[in-house]
Protein backbone atom coordinates (compact mmCIF):
# COMPACT_ATOMS: atom_id res chain seq x y z
CA MET A 1 -17.25 37.35 -18.36
CA LEU A 2 -13.11 36.19 -17.77
CA ILE A 3 -14.11 32.53 -16.59
CA LYS A 4 -16.17 31.93 -19.80
CA LEU A 5 -13.56 32.98 -22.09
CA ILE A 6 -11.13 31.32 -20.50
CA ILE A 7 -13.58 28.07 -21.07
CA ARG A 8 -14.18 28.87 -24.58
CA ASN A 9 -10.24 29.59 -25.02
CA ALA A 10 -9.26 26.27 -23.38
CA PHE A 11 -10.95 24.20 -25.95
CA ARG A 12 -11.30 26.08 -28.81
CA HIS A 13 -8.13 23.24 -30.70
CA LYS A 14 -10.60 20.20 -29.67
CA LEU A 15 -8.36 17.19 -30.37
CA ARG A 16 -5.43 19.27 -29.23
CA SER A 17 -6.64 20.39 -25.50
CA LEU A 18 -8.56 16.78 -25.74
CA LEU A 19 -5.03 15.11 -26.17
CA THR A 20 -3.67 16.92 -23.61
CA VAL A 21 -6.02 16.28 -20.87
CA LEU A 22 -5.64 12.42 -21.94
CA GLY A 23 -1.95 12.66 -21.69
CA VAL A 24 -2.36 14.81 -18.28
CA ALA A 25 -4.64 12.07 -17.29
CA ILE A 26 -3.09 9.22 -17.92
CA ALA A 27 0.13 10.71 -16.22
CA ILE A 28 -2.20 11.73 -12.86
CA LEU A 29 -2.97 7.92 -13.27
CA ALA A 30 0.34 6.30 -13.57
CA PHE A 31 1.44 8.62 -10.90
CA GLY A 32 -1.85 8.16 -8.17
CA LEU A 33 -0.64 4.15 -9.02
CA LEU A 34 3.11 4.15 -8.19
CA ARG A 35 2.44 6.34 -5.32
CA THR A 36 -0.24 3.90 -3.59
CA LEU A 37 1.95 0.97 -4.60
CA VAL A 38 4.80 2.98 -2.57
CA GLY A 39 2.32 3.72 0.29
CA LEU A 40 1.01 0.22 0.37
CA TRP A 41 4.83 -1.35 0.78
CA TYR A 42 5.02 0.60 4.02
CA LEU A 43 1.15 -0.19 4.58
CA GLY A 44 2.62 -3.40 7.57
CA VAL A 45 4.93 -1.25 9.05
CA GLU A 46 2.07 1.73 9.80
CA GLN A 47 -0.40 -1.07 11.27
CA SER A 48 2.21 -2.03 13.76
CA SER A 49 0.98 -2.10 17.02
CA ALA A 50 3.06 0.10 19.47
CA THR A 51 2.43 -3.03 22.26
CA ARG A 52 3.62 -5.57 20.09
CA LEU A 53 7.16 -7.40 20.28
CA VAL A 54 8.15 -9.60 17.92
CA THR A 55 11.13 -12.40 19.01
CA ARG A 56 12.97 -14.46 17.13
CA ASN A 57 16.08 -16.08 16.40
CA ALA A 58 18.72 -14.46 16.31
CA ILE A 59 21.00 -15.76 13.76
CA SER A 60 17.61 -15.36 10.99
CA LEU A 61 14.27 -15.94 10.64
CA VAL A 62 14.92 -19.63 9.53
CA PHE A 63 15.76 -20.30 12.65
CA SER A 64 13.37 -22.25 15.24
CA LEU A 65 13.00 -21.37 19.35
CA PRO A 66 12.10 -23.61 22.15
CA ILE A 67 8.78 -23.61 22.54
CA SER A 68 9.92 -23.45 25.82
CA TYR A 69 10.63 -19.74 26.09
CA LYS A 70 6.69 -19.01 26.44
CA ASP A 71 6.89 -19.78 30.01
CA ARG A 72 10.66 -18.10 30.99
CA ILE A 73 8.64 -15.18 28.55
CA ARG A 74 5.79 -14.85 30.14
CA GLN A 75 7.49 -14.04 33.58
CA ILE A 76 9.06 -11.00 32.41
CA ASP A 77 8.01 -8.30 33.97
CA GLY A 78 5.97 -6.40 31.16
CA VAL A 79 4.86 -8.49 29.16
CA LYS A 80 1.01 -8.82 29.14
CA GLN A 81 0.30 -12.05 26.61
CA VAL A 82 2.48 -13.49 24.73
CA SER A 83 1.78 -15.88 21.34
CA TYR A 84 3.75 -17.61 19.12
CA GLY A 85 3.56 -19.37 15.79
CA ASN A 86 5.37 -21.18 12.65
CA TRP A 87 5.66 -19.27 8.96
CA PHE A 88 3.99 -22.81 7.40
CA GLY A 89 4.57 -21.90 3.79
CA GLY A 90 2.37 -23.82 2.12
CA VAL A 91 0.35 -23.73 -1.64
CA TYR A 92 -3.14 -23.89 -2.60
CA ILE A 93 -3.07 -27.19 -5.72
CA ASN A 94 -0.12 -25.66 -7.00
CA GLU A 95 2.72 -23.12 -6.28
CA LYS A 96 0.56 -20.31 -8.22
CA ASN A 97 -1.89 -20.50 -5.51
CA PHE A 98 0.20 -18.61 -2.51
CA PHE A 99 -0.91 -16.48 0.31
CA PRO A 100 0.38 -16.21 3.74
CA ASN A 101 -0.10 -19.04 5.72
CA PHE A 102 1.10 -19.10 9.75
CA ALA A 103 -0.08 -22.13 12.38
CA VAL A 104 -0.23 -20.09 15.28
CA GLU A 105 -1.53 -20.97 19.21
CA PRO A 106 -5.41 -19.90 18.25
CA GLN A 107 -6.59 -18.15 21.70
CA SER A 108 -3.57 -15.95 22.39
CA TYR A 109 -3.24 -14.77 18.88
CA LEU A 110 -6.46 -13.29 18.37
CA GLU A 111 -6.27 -12.03 21.50
CA LEU A 112 -2.77 -10.05 20.65
CA TYR A 113 -4.45 -9.03 16.76
CA PRO A 114 -8.49 -7.47 17.68
CA GLU A 115 -8.63 -6.52 14.52
CA PHE A 116 -9.43 -9.84 13.43
CA VAL A 117 -12.33 -9.75 13.99
CA LEU A 118 -14.45 -12.82 14.18
CA SER A 119 -17.89 -13.67 14.95
CA PRO A 120 -18.38 -15.87 18.43
CA GLU A 121 -19.79 -18.48 17.06
CA GLN A 122 -16.89 -18.93 14.85
CA LYS A 123 -14.09 -18.28 17.01
CA ASN A 124 -15.81 -20.66 19.10
CA ALA A 125 -15.51 -23.30 16.98
CA PHE A 126 -11.74 -22.29 15.58
CA LEU A 127 -10.76 -22.60 19.48
CA HIS A 128 -12.21 -26.33 19.72
CA ASP A 129 -10.72 -27.65 16.73
CA GLN A 130 -8.01 -28.49 16.29
CA ARG A 131 -7.65 -29.50 12.81
CA SER A 132 -9.23 -26.01 11.95
CA ALA A 133 -8.81 -23.09 9.90
CA VAL A 134 -9.80 -19.36 9.71
CA VAL A 135 -9.37 -17.37 6.40
CA GLY A 136 -9.78 -13.61 5.63
CA ARG A 137 -12.62 -12.46 3.87
CA LYS A 138 -11.04 -11.57 0.38
CA LEU A 139 -8.90 -14.96 0.07
CA ALA A 140 -12.27 -17.23 1.18
CA ALA A 141 -14.07 -14.87 -1.79
CA LYS A 142 -11.22 -15.85 -3.70
CA TYR A 143 -11.59 -19.57 -4.02
CA GLY A 144 -15.26 -19.83 -3.17
CA TRP A 145 -14.65 -21.51 -0.17
CA LYS A 146 -17.50 -22.18 2.87
CA VAL A 147 -17.97 -22.40 6.13
CA GLY A 148 -17.32 -26.00 6.72
CA ASP A 149 -14.98 -26.92 3.32
CA LEU A 150 -11.78 -28.76 3.69
CA ILE A 151 -9.46 -26.94 2.24
CA THR A 152 -5.71 -29.14 1.82
CA LEU A 153 -2.65 -27.09 1.77
CA LYS A 154 0.40 -29.09 0.05
CA GLY A 155 3.82 -28.30 2.81
CA THR A 156 6.95 -26.80 0.50
CA ILE A 157 8.65 -25.79 4.36
CA PHE A 158 6.42 -28.79 6.15
CA PRO A 159 5.75 -31.57 3.29
CA GLY A 160 3.19 -33.09 2.36
CA GLN A 161 -0.82 -32.72 2.30
CA TRP A 162 -2.33 -30.83 5.56
CA THR A 163 -6.13 -31.15 5.47
CA PHE A 164 -8.43 -28.07 7.50
CA VAL A 165 -12.20 -27.37 8.18
CA LEU A 166 -12.84 -24.09 7.48
CA ARG A 167 -14.45 -22.45 10.52
CA GLY A 168 -14.49 -19.25 10.97
CA ILE A 169 -13.84 -16.07 7.97
CA TYR A 170 -12.62 -13.29 9.93
CA ARG A 171 -12.96 -9.58 8.11
CA GLY A 172 -10.33 -6.90 9.09
CA ALA A 173 -11.22 -3.83 11.84
CA GLN A 174 -9.64 -1.34 9.65
CA LYS A 175 -10.28 -0.99 5.94
CA ASN A 176 -6.20 -1.81 5.67
CA THR A 177 -6.64 -5.24 7.76
CA ASP A 178 -5.22 -7.85 5.68
CA GLU A 179 -7.84 -10.28 4.40
CA THR A 180 -6.26 -12.71 2.76
CA GLN A 181 -4.32 -14.66 5.49
CA PHE A 182 -4.96 -18.14 6.69
CA PHE A 183 -4.35 -19.38 10.24
CA PHE A 184 -4.10 -22.84 11.82
CA HIS A 185 -3.56 -24.28 14.94
CA TRP A 186 0.24 -24.49 16.12
CA LYS A 187 -1.02 -27.50 17.64
CA TYR A 188 -1.69 -29.66 15.33
CA LEU A 189 1.23 -29.12 13.40
CA ASN A 190 3.67 -29.85 16.20
CA GLU A 191 1.55 -33.11 16.64
CA THR A 192 2.04 -33.45 12.87
CA LEU A 193 5.38 -33.14 13.25
CA LYS A 194 5.79 -35.58 16.72
CA ARG A 195 4.96 -38.31 14.80
CA THR A 196 6.46 -37.37 10.96
CA VAL A 197 10.51 -35.50 12.20
CA SER A 198 10.21 -35.35 15.68
CA ARG A 199 13.48 -33.63 15.68
CA ARG A 200 11.54 -30.33 14.01
CA ALA A 201 8.95 -30.18 16.98
CA ASP A 202 8.61 -28.33 20.21
CA GLN A 203 9.63 -25.49 18.01
CA ALA A 204 8.43 -22.06 17.14
CA GLY A 205 9.35 -19.57 14.64
CA PHE A 206 8.54 -16.45 16.28
CA TYR A 207 6.80 -15.36 19.47
CA MET A 208 4.19 -12.35 19.54
CA ILE A 209 4.79 -10.39 22.62
CA GLY A 210 1.82 -8.29 23.74
CA VAL A 211 3.65 -5.50 26.21
CA GLU A 212 1.59 -3.87 29.04
CA LYS A 213 2.37 -0.21 27.78
CA PRO A 214 4.05 0.81 24.64
CA GLU A 215 6.99 2.81 26.52
CA LEU A 216 7.82 -0.18 28.43
CA ALA A 217 8.67 -1.95 24.56
CA ALA A 218 12.00 -1.00 24.48
CA GLU A 219 12.70 -2.74 28.45
CA VAL A 220 10.67 -5.34 27.59
CA ALA A 221 12.84 -6.12 24.36
CA GLN A 222 15.84 -6.00 25.77
CA ALA A 223 15.00 -7.85 29.08
CA VAL A 224 14.21 -10.94 26.67
CA ASP A 225 17.14 -11.35 24.68
CA ALA A 226 19.05 -10.89 28.15
CA THR A 227 17.20 -14.41 29.48
CA PHE A 228 18.19 -16.01 26.50
CA ARG A 229 21.55 -14.38 26.11
CA ASN A 230 24.56 -17.38 25.75
CA SER A 231 21.48 -20.08 24.82
CA LEU A 232 21.89 -22.37 22.16
CA ALA A 233 18.74 -20.47 20.14
CA GLU A 234 19.50 -16.67 21.45
CA THR A 235 16.71 -14.41 20.93
CA LEU A 236 16.14 -10.61 18.82
CA THR A 237 13.60 -8.18 19.88
CA GLU A 238 12.03 -5.79 18.42
CA THR A 239 8.86 -3.64 18.12
CA GLU A 240 6.56 -4.44 15.65
CA ARG A 241 7.31 -2.08 13.41
CA ALA A 242 11.00 -2.48 13.37
CA PHE A 243 9.88 -6.44 12.89
CA GLN A 244 8.05 -4.83 9.70
CA LEU A 245 10.93 -2.65 8.84
CA SER A 246 13.67 -5.03 8.38
CA PHE A 247 11.50 -6.75 5.75
CA VAL A 248 10.96 -2.83 3.58
CA SER A 249 14.42 -2.27 4.09
CA MET A 250 15.83 -5.22 2.22
CA THR A 251 13.56 -3.56 -1.08
CA GLU A 252 14.47 0.23 0.15
CA ALA A 253 16.23 0.57 -3.43
CA ILE A 254 13.31 -0.37 -5.24
CA MET A 255 10.59 1.57 -3.29
CA ILE A 256 13.14 4.92 -3.98
CA ALA A 257 13.55 4.11 -7.69
CA ILE A 258 9.81 3.98 -8.05
CA LYS A 259 9.20 7.49 -6.83
CA ILE A 260 11.72 8.31 -8.75
CA VAL A 261 9.88 7.37 -11.95
CA SER A 262 6.65 8.93 -10.07
CA TYR A 263 7.83 12.37 -10.26
CA VAL A 264 9.57 11.28 -13.79
CA VAL A 265 6.32 10.68 -15.25
CA ILE A 266 5.55 14.08 -13.72
CA VAL A 267 8.17 16.50 -14.91
CA ILE A 268 7.38 14.88 -18.44
CA ILE A 269 3.85 15.56 -18.50
CA MET A 270 4.39 19.04 -17.29
CA VAL A 271 6.99 19.68 -20.57
CA VAL A 272 4.60 18.05 -22.91
CA ALA A 273 1.74 20.54 -21.33
CA ALA A 274 4.64 23.60 -21.68
CA ASN A 275 4.76 23.27 -25.38
CA THR A 276 1.20 22.74 -26.12
CA MET A 277 0.50 25.68 -24.00
CA ALA A 278 3.34 27.81 -25.96
CA MET A 279 2.36 26.49 -29.18
CA THR A 280 -1.23 27.94 -28.31
CA ALA A 281 -0.16 31.22 -27.00
CA ARG A 282 2.27 31.82 -30.12
CA GLU A 283 -0.98 31.09 -32.29
CA ARG A 284 -2.99 34.03 -30.59
CA ILE A 285 -0.13 36.80 -30.52
CA ALA A 286 -2.31 38.33 -32.80
CA GLU A 287 -5.30 38.18 -30.50
CA TYR A 288 -3.67 39.40 -27.29
CA ALA A 289 -2.14 42.36 -29.42
CA THR A 290 -5.83 43.68 -30.47
CA MET A 291 -7.46 42.41 -27.11
CA LYS A 292 -4.40 45.12 -25.53
CA THR A 293 -5.98 47.88 -28.55
CA LEU A 294 -9.51 46.97 -26.97
CA GLY A 295 -8.51 47.87 -22.88
CA PHE A 296 -7.31 44.75 -22.03
CA GLY A 297 -4.31 45.16 -20.06
CA GLY A 298 -1.38 42.38 -19.84
CA ARG A 299 -2.92 40.67 -16.03
CA HIS A 300 -6.08 40.19 -17.77
CA ILE A 301 -4.04 38.46 -20.88
CA ALA A 302 -1.97 36.93 -18.01
CA ALA A 303 -5.27 35.77 -16.37
CA ILE A 304 -6.52 33.89 -19.32
CA ILE A 305 -3.81 32.57 -20.76
CA PHE A 306 -2.80 30.86 -17.01
CA GLY A 307 -6.05 29.78 -16.40
CA GLU A 308 -6.83 27.62 -19.71
CA SER A 309 -3.80 25.87 -18.82
CA ILE A 310 -5.12 25.45 -14.83
CA VAL A 311 -8.62 24.15 -16.67
CA ILE A 312 -7.35 21.94 -18.84
CA ALA A 313 -4.26 20.41 -16.19
CA MET A 314 -6.98 20.27 -13.26
CA ILE A 315 -10.14 18.48 -15.88
CA GLY A 316 -7.17 16.22 -17.00
CA GLY A 317 -6.37 15.74 -12.36
CA VAL A 318 -9.52 14.87 -12.03
CA ILE A 319 -9.84 12.35 -14.97
CA GLY A 320 -6.91 10.20 -13.74
CA ILE A 321 -8.03 10.33 -10.15
CA LEU A 322 -11.11 8.96 -11.05
CA LEU A 323 -9.60 6.18 -13.17
CA THR A 324 -7.25 5.19 -10.10
CA TYR A 325 -10.49 3.57 -8.58
CA PRO A 326 -11.36 0.98 -10.76
CA ALA A 327 -7.65 1.14 -12.21
CA ALA A 328 -6.59 -0.31 -8.02
CA HIS A 329 -10.15 -2.17 -8.30
CA GLY A 330 -8.87 -4.52 -10.78
CA ILE A 331 -4.71 -4.71 -9.67
CA GLN A 332 -6.12 -5.70 -6.38
CA GLU A 333 -8.04 -8.27 -8.01
CA LYS A 334 -5.35 -9.50 -10.62
CA LEU A 335 -2.46 -9.45 -8.32
CA SER A 336 -4.00 -10.31 -4.47
CA GLN A 337 -1.62 -12.94 -3.73
CA PHE A 338 0.91 -9.54 -3.90
CA PHE A 339 -1.10 -6.51 -3.02
CA PRO A 340 -3.71 -8.59 -0.18
CA VAL A 341 -4.83 -4.49 -0.08
CA PHE A 342 -4.32 -1.67 -2.32
CA ASN A 343 -6.86 1.23 -1.44
CA VAL A 344 -5.73 4.72 -2.87
CA SER A 345 -5.49 6.41 -0.03
CA PRO A 346 -7.03 10.13 0.40
CA MET A 347 -3.45 11.34 0.74
CA THR A 348 -3.14 9.84 -2.64
CA VAL A 349 -5.70 11.87 -4.40
CA TYR A 350 -4.35 15.25 -2.22
CA LEU A 351 -0.96 14.87 -3.99
CA ASP A 352 -2.38 13.89 -7.53
CA LEU A 353 -4.66 17.58 -7.34
CA LEU A 354 -1.37 19.01 -6.41
CA ALA A 355 0.53 17.69 -9.40
CA ALA A 356 -2.00 18.45 -11.83
CA LEU A 357 -1.99 21.58 -10.53
CA THR A 358 1.83 22.08 -10.65
CA VAL A 359 1.26 20.70 -14.13
CA GLY A 360 -1.29 23.82 -15.16
CA VAL A 361 1.19 26.33 -13.17
CA VAL A 362 4.59 25.11 -14.57
CA ALA A 363 3.44 25.02 -17.82
CA SER A 364 1.80 28.14 -18.39
CA ILE A 365 4.28 30.49 -17.01
CA PHE A 366 6.54 31.17 -20.19
CA PRO A 367 3.19 31.68 -22.26
CA THR A 368 1.81 33.78 -19.93
CA TRP A 369 4.81 36.34 -19.26
CA ARG A 370 5.20 36.25 -23.34
CA GLY A 371 1.51 36.71 -23.87
CA ALA A 372 1.39 39.10 -21.05
CA THR A 373 4.26 41.64 -22.28
CA ILE A 374 4.08 41.63 -25.90
CA GLY A 375 3.90 45.24 -27.45
CA ILE A 376 0.73 46.11 -29.42
CA ALA A 377 2.56 46.90 -32.61
CA ASP A 378 4.72 43.45 -32.23
CA GLY A 379 1.49 41.50 -31.53
CA LEU A 380 -0.51 43.25 -34.70
CA ARG A 381 2.99 42.93 -37.17
CA ARG A 382 2.87 38.99 -36.63
CA ILE A 383 1.65 36.43 -39.13
CA GLY A 384 0.97 32.88 -36.77
């Protein structure tokens, strides 16, 4: 009976209740999207392998390293695999069509990144065609590319028109694997540079190192940097996680601001919901007093008011969560070059539910106390 009364009271003033539900839903939607954005900003860090190291020029990532370093790195104890590559920085047709594209040593790179899954036929075709390229499934879908298509990128770091044959479309081994990248043969880039800008040839922008065991990562990193200390191109070697964090740290202030905004949104809707519940309780003071004369205790009144607030908040929360999924899909479709993966994680859903529950609880505190403690005579004497 009490539950039925709570539900009926929650929607006695339909317009007011619907507007409150809508407000909570929009707040939870905004909160969920902002928390998803923050989570995705750290996605590269979370997906980093404990057995992969990144070696770059100690001065800056924009400076390259001699390709001859690979043989010396291979000789270091604990090193299992070495690959290398360059950030290419090309664009498709115009600058608006930007996506991550790399020139890599294909065999070792694919071995170091098993999360990029290619069929055996496509992998074999890619490895044996120097002008070939591999792209992620989402990137291929965006531009309508098919295996066998010719794709021309306009170079920015390496000027010119670069044409590739698409030999493979990879899929991610996990749901959150980036499927918007473009890989081609480092040798194709290098041979072209030898003919055009020879001083830029035989250089690698980075080395990817696979270590035998995660516990050897720090020792191997120190050994690599010690090998090239006092050389013309000293190195900085760090775990893949630390490498990703170095980029994330550049925007740490922005992430903190987004987190603060997400909490402010919830606080605002708390105030709105609390005002609505206070208004409702004030209008029903006489009713609560009448209920007390019929034998309802203060705990019954408190349960009704508290339950009403929770029902409204949780309905709004559930609607907000349901709206988050199509909204996230729309963001990924429109802004795939910035957010190649925009999946709502289970943790975000749990935080949404917790936020909605918090709104309901906080909004009901004062009205619940007021309704439960009002005296019968004072309540019956009150009008409005």
